[in-house]
Amino acid sequence: MFDQKFDSIRSFIFFKCSDDEMASDIAQDVFTKKLGEGNLPSRNILNE
């Protein structure tokens, strides 16, 4: 899931904030939060 969605989420956030590093950090935080809630399979993120 991470590989499939990260770029799309980061691009949307970048569109809103115009800061590439911030967009990447926020997108990663989204996946980290969802992983912590048990909503994502951990193997997709941990293999990165």
PDB file of N, CA and C in Angstrom:
ATOM      1  N   MET A   1       0.828  -1.189   0.000  1.00  0.00           N
ATOM      2  CA  MET A   1       0.000   0.000   0.000  1.00  0.00           C
ATOM      3  C   MET A   1       0.875   1.257   0.000  1.00  0.00           C
ATOM      4  N   PHE A   2       1.936   1.233   0.783  1.00  0.00           N
ATOM      5  CA  PHE A   2       2.823   2.390   0.852  1.00  0.00           C
ATOM      6  C   PHE A   2       3.336   2.764  -0.532  1.00  0.00           C
ATOM      7  N   ASP A   3       3.846   1.770  -1.257  1.00  0.00           N
ATOM      8  CA  ASP A   3       4.401   2.019  -2.592  1.00  0.00           C
ATOM      9  C   ASP A   3       3.348   2.561  -3.552  1.00  0.00           C
ATOM     10  N   GLN A   4       2.129   2.110  -3.405  1.00  0.00           N
ATOM     11  CA  GLN A   4       1.060   2.503  -4.318  1.00  0.00           C
ATOM     12  C   GLN A   4       0.515   3.895  -4.022  1.00  0.00           C
ATOM     13  N   LYS A   5       0.510   4.315  -2.787  1.00  0.00           N
ATOM     14  CA  LYS A   5      -0.195   5.541  -2.392  1.00  0.00           C
ATOM     15  C   LYS A   5       0.684   6.711  -1.974  1.00  0.00           C
ATOM     16  N   PHE A   6       1.924   6.435  -1.575  1.00  0.00           N
ATOM     17  CA  PHE A   6       2.755   7.495  -1.001  1.00  0.00           C
ATOM     18  C   PHE A   6       2.924   8.687  -1.949  1.00  0.00           C
ATOM     19  N   ASP A   7       3.270   8.435  -3.203  1.00  0.00           N
ATOM     20  CA  ASP A   7       3.504   9.537  -4.148  1.00  0.00           C
ATOM     21  C   ASP A   7       2.255  10.381  -4.367  1.00  0.00           C
ATOM     22  N   SER A   8       1.106   9.739  -4.442  1.00  0.00           N
ATOM     23  CA  SER A   8      -0.137  10.479  -4.631  1.00  0.00           C
ATOM     24  C   SER A   8      -0.447  11.365  -3.424  1.00  0.00           C
ATOM     25  N   ILE A   9      -0.270  10.796  -2.242  1.00  0.00           N
ATOM     26  CA  ILE A   9      -0.533  11.567  -1.016  1.00  0.00           C
ATOM     27  C   ILE A   9       0.464  12.722  -0.901  1.00  0.00           C
ATOM     28  N   ARG A  10       1.751  12.430  -1.153  1.00  0.00           N
ATOM     29  CA  ARG A  10       2.776  13.477  -1.079  1.00  0.00           C
ATOM     30  C   ARG A  10       2.515  14.586  -2.101  1.00  0.00           C
ATOM     31  N   SER A  11       2.106  14.223  -3.294  1.00  0.00           N
ATOM     32  CA  SER A  11       1.811  15.224  -4.328  1.00  0.00           C
ATOM     33  C   SER A  11       0.655  16.130  -3.925  1.00  0.00           C
ATOM     34  N   PHE A  12      -0.377  15.529  -3.343  1.00  0.00           N
ATOM     35  CA  PHE A  12      -1.516  16.337  -2.889  1.00  0.00           C
ATOM     36  C   PHE A  12      -1.088  17.311  -1.796  1.00  0.00           C
ATOM     37  N   ILE A  13      -0.316  16.822  -0.838  1.00  0.00           N
ATOM     38  CA  ILE A  13       0.149  17.683   0.254  1.00  0.00           C
ATOM     39  C   ILE A  13       1.066  18.769  -0.290  1.00  0.00           C
ATOM     40  N   PHE A  14       1.943  18.426  -1.224  1.00  0.00           N
ATOM     41  CA  PHE A  14       2.818  19.420  -1.840  1.00  0.00           C
ATOM     42  C   PHE A  14       2.004  20.505  -2.538  1.00  0.00           C
ATOM     43  N   PHE A  15       0.935  20.122  -3.216  1.00  0.00           N
ATOM     44  CA  PHE A  15       0.043  21.079  -3.869  1.00  0.00           C
ATOM     45  C   PHE A  15      -0.514  22.082  -2.861  1.00  0.00           C
ATOM     46  N   LYS A  16      -0.780  21.612  -1.658  1.00  0.00           N
ATOM     47  CA  LYS A  16      -1.349  22.476  -0.616  1.00  0.00           C
ATOM     48  C   LYS A  16      -0.304  23.339   0.088  1.00  0.00           C
ATOM     49  N   CYS A  17       0.939  22.813   0.273  1.00  0.00           N
ATOM     50  CA  CYS A  17       1.909  23.551   1.094  1.00  0.00           C
ATOM     51  C   CYS A  17       3.118  24.066   0.316  1.00  0.00           C
ATOM     52  N   SER A  18       3.353  23.601  -0.904  1.00  0.00           N
ATOM     53  CA  SER A  18       4.470  24.030  -1.766  1.00  0.00           C
ATOM     54  C   SER A  18       5.850  23.836  -1.133  1.00  0.00           C
ATOM     55  N   ASP A  19       5.983  22.835  -0.288  1.00  0.00           N
ATOM     56  CA  ASP A  19       7.264  22.532   0.347  1.00  0.00           C
ATOM     57  C   ASP A  19       7.476  21.018   0.249  1.00  0.00           C
ATOM     58  N   ASP A  20       8.422  20.604  -0.604  1.00  0.00           N
ATOM     59  CA  ASP A  20       8.618  19.189  -0.879  1.00  0.00           C
ATOM     60  C   ASP A  20       8.988  18.387   0.366  1.00  0.00           C
ATOM     61  N   GLU A  21       9.901  18.914   1.175  1.00  0.00           N
ATOM     62  CA  GLU A  21      10.319  18.207   2.379  1.00  0.00           C
ATOM     63  C   GLU A  21       9.172  18.078   3.382  1.00  0.00           C
ATOM     64  N   MET A  22       8.413  19.149   3.560  1.00  0.00           N
ATOM     65  CA  MET A  22       7.278  19.108   4.475  1.00  0.00           C
ATOM     66  C   MET A  22       6.220  18.121   3.968  1.00  0.00           C
ATOM     67  N   ALA A  23       5.983  18.123   2.670  1.00  0.00           N
ATOM     68  CA  ALA A  23       4.999  17.210   2.095  1.00  0.00           C
ATOM     69  C   ALA A  23       5.411  15.759   2.329  1.00  0.00           C
ATOM     70  N   SER A  24       6.685  15.457   2.149  1.00  0.00           N
ATOM     71  CA  SER A  24       7.174  14.098   2.385  1.00  0.00           C
ATOM     72  C   SER A  24       7.038  13.714   3.855  1.00  0.00           C
ATOM     73  N   ASP A  25       7.381  14.627   4.750  1.00  0.00           N
ATOM     74  CA  ASP A  25       7.279  14.353   6.189  1.00  0.00           C
ATOM     75  C   ASP A  25       5.824  14.103   6.600  1.00  0.00           C
ATOM     76  N   ILE A  26       4.913  14.924   6.110  1.00  0.00           N
ATOM     77  CA  ILE A  26       3.498  14.772   6.467  1.00  0.00           C
ATOM     78  C   ILE A  26       2.950  13.469   5.897  1.00  0.00           C
ATOM     79  N   ALA A  27       3.298  13.153   4.648  1.00  0.00           N
ATOM     80  CA  ALA A  27       2.828  11.903   4.049  1.00  0.00           C
ATOM     81  C   ALA A  27       3.330  10.708   4.851  1.00  0.00           C
ATOM     82  N   GLN A  28       4.597  10.736   5.268  1.00  0.00           N
ATOM     83  CA  GLN A  28       5.135   9.647   6.088  1.00  0.00           C
ATOM     84  C   GLN A  28       4.401   9.566   7.416  1.00  0.00           C
ATOM     85  N   ASP A  29       4.087  10.712   8.013  1.00  0.00           N
ATOM     86  CA  ASP A  29       3.338  10.725   9.268  1.00  0.00           C
ATOM     87  C   ASP A  29       1.963  10.087   9.108  1.00  0.00           C
ATOM     88  N   VAL A  30       1.320  10.298   7.955  1.00  0.00           N
ATOM     89  CA  VAL A  30       0.014   9.683   7.685  1.00  0.00           C
ATOM     90  C   VAL A  30       0.147   8.162   7.748  1.00  0.00           C
ATOM     91  N   PHE A  31       1.146   7.621   7.068  1.00  0.00           N
ATOM     92  CA  PHE A  31       1.321   6.174   7.067  1.00  0.00           C
ATOM     93  C   PHE A  31       1.723   5.658   8.446  1.00  0.00           C
ATOM     94  N   THR A  32       2.559   6.382   9.159  1.00  0.00           N
ATOM     95  CA  THR A  32       2.971   5.974  10.501  1.00  0.00           C
ATOM     96  C   THR A  32       1.774   5.928  11.437  1.00  0.00           C
ATOM     97  N   LYS A  33       0.921   6.940  11.354  1.00  0.00           N
ATOM     98  CA  LYS A  33      -0.269   6.988  12.207  1.00  0.00           C
ATOM     99  C   LYS A  33      -1.209   5.837  11.880  1.00  0.00           C
ATOM    100  N   LYS A  34      -1.443   5.606  10.596  1.00  0.00           N
ATOM    101  CA  LYS A  34      -2.344   4.523  10.201  1.00  0.00           C
ATOM    102  C   LYS A  34      -1.784   3.154  10.578  1.00  0.00           C
ATOM    103  N   LEU A  35      -0.475   2.987  10.476  1.00  0.00           N
ATOM    104  CA  LEU A  35       0.154   1.737  10.876  1.00  0.00           C
ATOM    105  C   LEU A  35      -0.058   1.511  12.372  1.00  0.00           C
ATOM    106  N   GLY A  36       0.107   2.566  13.156  1.00  0.00           N
ATOM    107  CA  GLY A  36      -0.086   2.478  14.600  1.00  0.00           C
ATOM    108  C   GLY A  36      -1.510   2.145  14.984  1.00  0.00           C
ATOM    109  N   GLU A  37      -2.465   2.533  14.147  1.00  0.00           N
ATOM    110  CA  GLU A  37      -3.869   2.219  14.396  1.00  0.00           C
ATOM    111  C   GLU A  37      -4.239   0.825  13.914  1.00  0.00           C
ATOM    112  N   GLY A  38      -3.294   0.162  13.253  1.00  0.00           N
ATOM    113  CA  GLY A  38      -3.560  -1.176  12.746  1.00  0.00           C
ATOM    114  C   GLY A  38      -4.323  -1.189  11.440  1.00  0.00           C
ATOM    115  N   ASN A  39      -4.338  -0.055  10.729  1.00  0.00           N
ATOM    116  CA  ASN A  39      -5.098   0.038   9.492  1.00  0.00           C
ATOM    117  C   ASN A  39      -4.292  -0.294   8.250  1.00  0.00           C
ATOM    118  N   LEU A  40      -3.005  -0.535   8.395  1.00  0.00           N
ATOM    119  CA  LEU A  40      -2.149  -0.889   7.259  1.00  0.00           C
ATOM    120  C   LEU A  40      -1.371  -2.148   7.593  1.00  0.00           C
ATOM    121  N   PRO A  41      -1.120  -2.980   6.608  1.00  0.00           N
ATOM    122  CA  PRO A  41      -0.241  -4.125   6.882  1.00  0.00           C
ATOM    123  C   PRO A  41       1.198  -3.638   7.069  1.00  0.00           C
ATOM    124  N   SER A  42       1.829  -4.007   8.164  1.00  0.00           N
ATOM    125  CA  SER A  42       3.144  -3.472   8.508  1.00  0.00           C
ATOM    126  C   SER A  42       4.235  -3.882   7.526  1.00  0.00           C
ATOM    127  N   ARG A  43       4.125  -5.006   6.876  1.00  0.00           N
ATOM    128  CA  ARG A  43       5.208  -5.461   6.000  1.00  0.00           C
ATOM    129  C   ARG A  43       5.427  -4.528   4.828  1.00  0.00           C
ATOM    130  N   ASN A  44       4.414  -3.828   4.343  1.00  0.00           N
ATOM    131  CA  ASN A  44       4.583  -2.915   3.209  1.00  0.00           C
ATOM    132  C   ASN A  44       5.442  -1.712   3.575  1.00  0.00           C
ATOM    133  N   ILE A  45       5.315  -1.212   4.760  1.00  0.00           N
ATOM    134  CA  ILE A  45       6.080  -0.044   5.175  1.00  0.00           C
ATOM    135  C   ILE A  45       7.471  -0.464   5.654  1.00  0.00           C
ATOM    136  N   LEU A  46       7.556  -1.542   6.386  1.00  0.00           N
ATOM    137  CA  LEU A  46       8.836  -1.947   6.955  1.00  0.00           C
ATOM    138  C   LEU A  46       9.817  -2.441   5.906  1.00  0.00           C
ATOM    139  N   ASN A  47       9.344  -2.839   4.755  1.00  0.00           N
ATOM    140  CA  ASN A  47      10.235  -3.283   3.683  1.00  0.00           C
ATOM    141  C   ASN A  47      10.882  -2.123   2.958  1.00  0.00           C
ATOM    142  N   GLU A  48      10.508  -0.921   3.228  1.00  0.00           N
ATOM    143  CA  GLU A  48      11.077   0.268   2.569  1.00  0.00           C
ATOM    144  C   GLU A  48      12.393   0.622   3.180  1.00  0.00           C
TER     145      GLU A  48
END
